[in-house]
Amino acid sequence: MVNTSAGILLYRVGVDGPDVLIAHPGGPFWARKDDEAWSIVKGLINDGEDPWTAAQREFREEVGVDVPAGVPVGLGTVTQRGGKIVTAFGVEADLDVSNAVSNTFEMEWPPKSGLMESFPEVDRVEWFPLAQARTKLLAAQHPFLDAVEAVVAAP
């Protein structure tokens, strides 16, 4: 069964162009990875769940606040390297993420130790200009940045 996820890419437009809000995954496997490790704020769609509803739920879980008011714009769907299908929605809004708090998950750490440790699902969310986001974001998700750029450029 293929995993399907839905997510939200907040964007804001400043004098230097659009900035996007992306998330760095938490946990020990991602601790030393930065470039091409970030993602849009996303998560799995439950059986029968509407993608927009799932995206809003995941945003709340991973950022700790509701999605700011705004009109959602479809940014398309991509298939990531592992086969996961991700659908994204863009929302133009500004959000102070200095107090963002993510939900947590547990895993055995260190491996084969028998010890369970709790980690944040997302260890930080930050605003990046599009050019820098292209360096940080997983390559498979770059089409979402292109879509935001097109939305902002549209009359």
C-alpha atoms as a PDB file:
ATOM      1  CA  MET A   1       0.000   0.000   0.000  1.00  0.00           C
ATOM      2  CA  VAL A   2       1.358   3.417  -0.955  1.00  0.00           C
ATOM      3  CA  ASN A   3       1.428   6.055   1.773  1.00  0.00           C
ATOM      4  CA  THR A   4      -0.302   9.295   0.884  1.00  0.00           C
ATOM      5  CA  SER A   5       0.305  12.556   2.712  1.00  0.00           C
ATOM      6  CA  ALA A   6      -1.092  16.058   2.563  1.00  0.00           C
ATOM      7  CA  GLY A   7       0.623  19.224   3.623  1.00  0.00           C
ATOM      8  CA  ILE A   8       0.576  22.977   3.716  1.00  0.00           C
ATOM      9  CA  LEU A   9       3.190  25.339   2.378  1.00  0.00           C
ATOM     10  CA  LEU A  10       2.599  28.756   3.908  1.00  0.00           C
ATOM     11  CA  TYR A  11       4.020  31.588   1.858  1.00  0.00           C
ATOM     12  CA  ARG A  12       4.325  35.323   2.346  1.00  0.00           C
ATOM     13  CA  VAL A  13       5.353  37.916  -0.187  1.00  0.00           C
ATOM     14  CA  GLY A  14       7.848  40.593   0.771  1.00  0.00           C
ATOM     15  CA  VAL A  15       9.808  43.185  -1.141  1.00  0.00           C
ATOM     16  CA  ASP A  16      12.384  40.547  -2.123  1.00  0.00           C
ATOM     17  CA  GLY A  17       9.768  38.024  -3.282  1.00  0.00           C
ATOM     18  CA  PRO A  18       8.111  35.062  -1.611  1.00  0.00           C
ATOM     19  CA  ASP A  19       9.271  33.289   1.526  1.00  0.00           C
ATOM     20  CA  VAL A  20       7.997  29.806   2.435  1.00  0.00           C
ATOM     21  CA  LEU A  21       7.588  28.064   5.769  1.00  0.00           C
ATOM     22  CA  ILE A  22       9.210  24.615   5.862  1.00  0.00           C
ATOM     23  CA  ALA A  23       9.955  22.076   8.583  1.00  0.00           C
ATOM     24  CA  HIS A  24      13.053  20.141   9.648  1.00  0.00           C
ATOM     25  CA  PRO A  25      12.296  16.585  10.795  1.00  0.00           C
ATOM     26  CA  GLY A  26      13.113  15.712  14.373  1.00  0.00           C
ATOM     27  CA  GLY A  27      14.829  12.651  15.717  1.00  0.00           C
ATOM     28  CA  PRO A  28      18.367  11.340  15.672  1.00  0.00           C
ATOM     29  CA  PHE A  29      18.465  10.322  11.991  1.00  0.00           C
ATOM     30  CA  TRP A  30      17.957  13.939  10.856  1.00  0.00           C
ATOM     31  CA  ALA A  31      19.987  15.704  13.559  1.00  0.00           C
ATOM     32  CA  ARG A  32      23.050  16.326  11.375  1.00  0.00           C
ATOM     33  CA  LYS A  33      21.251  16.738   8.048  1.00  0.00           C
ATOM     34  CA  ASP A  34      20.224  20.142   6.748  1.00  0.00           C
ATOM     35  CA  ASP A  35      20.378  20.640   2.982  1.00  0.00           C
ATOM     36  CA  GLU A  36      17.752  18.534   1.186  1.00  0.00           C
ATOM     37  CA  ALA A  37      16.353  17.363   4.531  1.00  0.00           C
ATOM     38  CA  TRP A  38      13.526  19.870   5.106  1.00  0.00           C
ATOM     39  CA  SER A  39       9.918  19.286   4.059  1.00  0.00           C
ATOM     40  CA  ILE A  40       6.623  21.066   3.768  1.00  0.00           C
ATOM     41  CA  VAL A  41       4.541  20.611   6.930  1.00  0.00           C
ATOM     42  CA  LYS A  42       2.738  17.371   6.096  1.00  0.00           C
ATOM     43  CA  GLY A  43       1.533  14.027   7.318  1.00  0.00           C
ATOM     44  CA  LEU A  44      -0.369  10.891   6.425  1.00  0.00           C
ATOM     45  CA  ILE A  45      -3.957  11.041   5.233  1.00  0.00           C
ATOM     46  CA  ASN A  46      -6.203   8.732   7.249  1.00  0.00           C
ATOM     47  CA  ASP A  47      -8.524   6.340   5.401  1.00  0.00           C
ATOM     48  CA  GLY A  48     -11.447   8.300   3.992  1.00  0.00           C
ATOM     49  CA  GLU A  49     -10.023  11.647   5.148  1.00  0.00           C
ATOM     50  CA  ASP A  50     -10.150  14.704   2.917  1.00  0.00           C
ATOM     51  CA  PRO A  51      -6.599  15.862   1.991  1.00  0.00           C
ATOM     52  CA  TRP A  52      -7.238  19.488   3.053  1.00  0.00           C
ATOM     53  CA  THR A  53      -8.557  18.301   6.429  1.00  0.00           C
ATOM     54  CA  ALA A  54      -5.505  16.048   6.869  1.00  0.00           C
ATOM     55  CA  ALA A  55      -3.146  18.899   5.935  1.00  0.00           C
ATOM     56  CA  GLN A  56      -4.727  21.192   8.536  1.00  0.00           C
ATOM     57  CA  ARG A  57      -4.529  18.491  11.227  1.00  0.00           C
ATOM     58  CA  GLU A  58      -0.881  17.813  10.485  1.00  0.00           C
ATOM     59  CA  PHE A  59      -0.044  21.530  10.512  1.00  0.00           C
ATOM     60  CA  ARG A  60      -1.630  21.852  13.969  1.00  0.00           C
ATOM     61  CA  GLU A  61       0.276  18.783  15.229  1.00  0.00           C
ATOM     62  CA  GLU A  62       3.656  19.766  13.814  1.00  0.00           C
ATOM     63  CA  VAL A  63       3.608  23.548  14.335  1.00  0.00           C
ATOM     64  CA  GLY A  64       1.365  23.746  17.385  1.00  0.00           C
ATOM     65  CA  VAL A  65      -1.119  26.268  15.972  1.00  0.00           C
ATOM     66  CA  ASP A  66      -3.971  26.254  13.496  1.00  0.00           C
ATOM     67  CA  VAL A  67      -3.345  27.153   9.871  1.00  0.00           C
ATOM     68  CA  PRO A  68      -3.742  30.930   9.546  1.00  0.00           C
ATOM     69  CA  ALA A  69      -6.856  32.144   7.756  1.00  0.00           C
ATOM     70  CA  GLY A  70      -6.380  32.222   4.016  1.00  0.00           C
ATOM     71  CA  VAL A  71      -7.589  30.687   0.801  1.00  0.00           C
ATOM     72  CA  PRO A  72      -5.958  27.307   0.117  1.00  0.00           C
ATOM     73  CA  VAL A  73      -4.471  26.904  -3.350  1.00  0.00           C
ATOM     74  CA  GLY A  74      -3.671  23.484  -4.775  1.00  0.00           C
ATOM     75  CA  LEU A  75       0.068  23.185  -5.423  1.00  0.00           C
ATOM     76  CA  GLY A  76      -0.061  19.744  -6.981  1.00  0.00           C
ATOM     77  CA  THR A  77       1.059  16.252  -6.069  1.00  0.00           C
ATOM     78  CA  VAL A  78       4.513  14.671  -6.127  1.00  0.00           C
ATOM     79  CA  THR A  79       5.851  11.175  -5.601  1.00  0.00           C
ATOM     80  CA  GLN A  80       8.873  11.062  -3.305  1.00  0.00           C
ATOM     81  CA  ARG A  81      11.795   8.661  -3.681  1.00  0.00           C
ATOM     82  CA  GLY A  82      10.329   6.054  -1.330  1.00  0.00           C
ATOM     83  CA  GLY A  83       7.026   6.081  -3.225  1.00  0.00           C
ATOM     84  CA  LYS A  84       5.068   8.294  -0.825  1.00  0.00           C
ATOM     85  CA  ILE A  85       2.566  10.519  -2.655  1.00  0.00           C
ATOM     86  CA  VAL A  86       2.330  14.060  -1.267  1.00  0.00           C
ATOM     87  CA  THR A  87      -0.413  16.571  -2.075  1.00  0.00           C
ATOM     88  CA  ALA A  88       0.259  20.180  -1.102  1.00  0.00           C
ATOM     89  CA  PHE A  89      -1.835  23.251  -0.496  1.00  0.00           C
ATOM     90  CA  GLY A  90      -0.448  26.764  -0.423  1.00  0.00           C
ATOM     91  CA  VAL A  91      -1.837  29.425   1.893  1.00  0.00           C
ATOM     92  CA  GLU A  92      -0.673  33.026   1.791  1.00  0.00           C
ATOM     93  CA  ALA A  93      -0.220  34.115   5.392  1.00  0.00           C
ATOM     94  CA  ASP A  94       2.380  35.370   7.809  1.00  0.00           C
ATOM     95  CA  LEU A  95       2.954  33.446  11.017  1.00  0.00           C
ATOM     96  CA  ASP A  96       5.310  33.936  13.937  1.00  0.00           C
ATOM     97  CA  VAL A  97       6.842  30.496  14.476  1.00  0.00           C
ATOM     98  CA  SER A  98       9.225  31.449  17.269  1.00  0.00           C
ATOM     99  CA  ASN A  99       7.114  29.407  19.723  1.00  0.00           C
ATOM    100  CA  ALA A 100       6.293  26.481  17.435  1.00  0.00           C
ATOM    101  CA  VAL A 101       5.870  23.172  19.264  1.00  0.00           C
ATOM    102  CA  SER A 102       5.585  19.804  17.554  1.00  0.00           C
ATOM    103  CA  ASN A 103       4.000  16.580  18.664  1.00  0.00           C
ATOM    104  CA  THR A 104       6.418  13.785  19.554  1.00  0.00           C
ATOM    105  CA  PHE A 105       7.079  10.161  18.645  1.00  0.00           C
ATOM    106  CA  GLU A 106       8.894   7.381  20.471  1.00  0.00           C
ATOM    107  CA  MET A 107      11.551   5.078  19.139  1.00  0.00           C
ATOM    108  CA  GLU A 108      14.218   2.780  20.467  1.00  0.00           C
ATOM    109  CA  TRP A 109      17.351   4.874  20.907  1.00  0.00           C
ATOM    110  CA  PRO A 110      20.189   4.063  20.737  1.00  0.00           C
ATOM    111  CA  PRO A 111      19.388   1.183  18.361  1.00  0.00           C
ATOM    112  CA  LYS A 112      19.154  -2.255  19.968  1.00  0.00           C
ATOM    113  CA  SER A 113      19.460  -0.705  23.447  1.00  0.00           C
ATOM    114  CA  GLY A 114      15.945  -1.580  24.543  1.00  0.00           C
ATOM    115  CA  LEU A 115      15.525   2.042  25.660  1.00  0.00           C
ATOM    116  CA  MET A 116      12.644   4.132  24.324  1.00  0.00           C
ATOM    117  CA  GLU A 117      13.184   7.852  23.799  1.00  0.00           C
ATOM    118  CA  SER A 118      10.778  10.595  22.777  1.00  0.00           C
ATOM    119  CA  PHE A 119      11.604  13.006  19.923  1.00  0.00           C
ATOM    120  CA  PRO A 120       9.723  15.894  18.314  1.00  0.00           C
ATOM    121  CA  GLU A 121       8.294  15.004  14.914  1.00  0.00           C
ATOM    122  CA  VAL A 122       9.520  18.415  13.714  1.00  0.00           C
ATOM    123  CA  ASP A 123      12.426  20.024  15.547  1.00  0.00           C
ATOM    124  CA  ARG A 124      12.083  23.447  13.895  1.00  0.00           C
ATOM    125  CA  VAL A 125      10.096  25.396  11.334  1.00  0.00           C
ATOM    126  CA  GLU A 126      11.542  28.409   9.579  1.00  0.00           C
ATOM    127  CA  TRP A 127      10.806  30.917   6.852  1.00  0.00           C
ATOM    128  CA  PHE A 128      13.154  30.823   3.854  1.00  0.00           C
ATOM    129  CA  PRO A 129      13.328  32.802   0.616  1.00  0.00           C
ATOM    130  CA  LEU A 130      12.536  30.543  -2.362  1.00  0.00           C
ATOM    131  CA  ALA A 131      16.160  30.300  -3.492  1.00  0.00           C
ATOM    132  CA  GLN A 132      17.331  29.110  -0.080  1.00  0.00           C
ATOM    133  CA  ALA A 133      14.309  26.814   0.293  1.00  0.00           C
ATOM    134  CA  ARG A 134      15.403  25.046  -2.914  1.00  0.00           C
ATOM    135  CA  THR A 135      18.628  24.101  -1.119  1.00  0.00           C
ATOM    136  CA  LYS A 136      16.918  23.008   2.106  1.00  0.00           C
ATOM    137  CA  LEU A 137      13.830  21.211   0.777  1.00  0.00           C
ATOM    138  CA  LEU A 138      13.720  17.575  -0.322  1.00  0.00           C
ATOM    139  CA  ALA A 139      14.305  17.554  -4.086  1.00  0.00           C
ATOM    140  CA  ALA A 140      11.019  15.766  -4.808  1.00  0.00           C
ATOM    141  CA  GLN A 141       9.120  18.674  -3.238  1.00  0.00           C
ATOM    142  CA  HIS A 142      10.685  21.393  -5.421  1.00  0.00           C
ATOM    143  CA  PRO A 143       7.607  21.456  -7.704  1.00  0.00           C
ATOM    144  CA  PHE A 144       5.689  22.933  -4.755  1.00  0.00           C
ATOM    145  CA  LEU A 145       8.107  25.872  -4.737  1.00  0.00           C
ATOM    146  CA  ASP A 146       7.605  26.293  -8.491  1.00  0.00           C
ATOM    147  CA  ALA A 147       3.841  26.309  -7.933  1.00  0.00           C
ATOM    148  CA  VAL A 148       4.094  28.994  -5.233  1.00  0.00           C
ATOM    149  CA  GLU A 149       6.275  31.060  -7.541  1.00  0.00           C
ATOM    150  CA  ALA A 150       3.627  30.736 -10.297  1.00  0.00           C
ATOM    151  CA  VAL A 151       0.790  31.670  -7.932  1.00  0.00           C
ATOM    152  CA  VAL A 152       2.652  34.778  -6.746  1.00  0.00           C
ATOM    153  CA  ALA A 153       3.517  35.813 -10.323  1.00  0.00           C
ATOM    154  CA  ALA A 154      -0.061  35.373 -11.586  1.00  0.00           C
ATOM    155  CA  PRO A 155      -1.994  38.602 -12.107  1.00  0.00           C
END
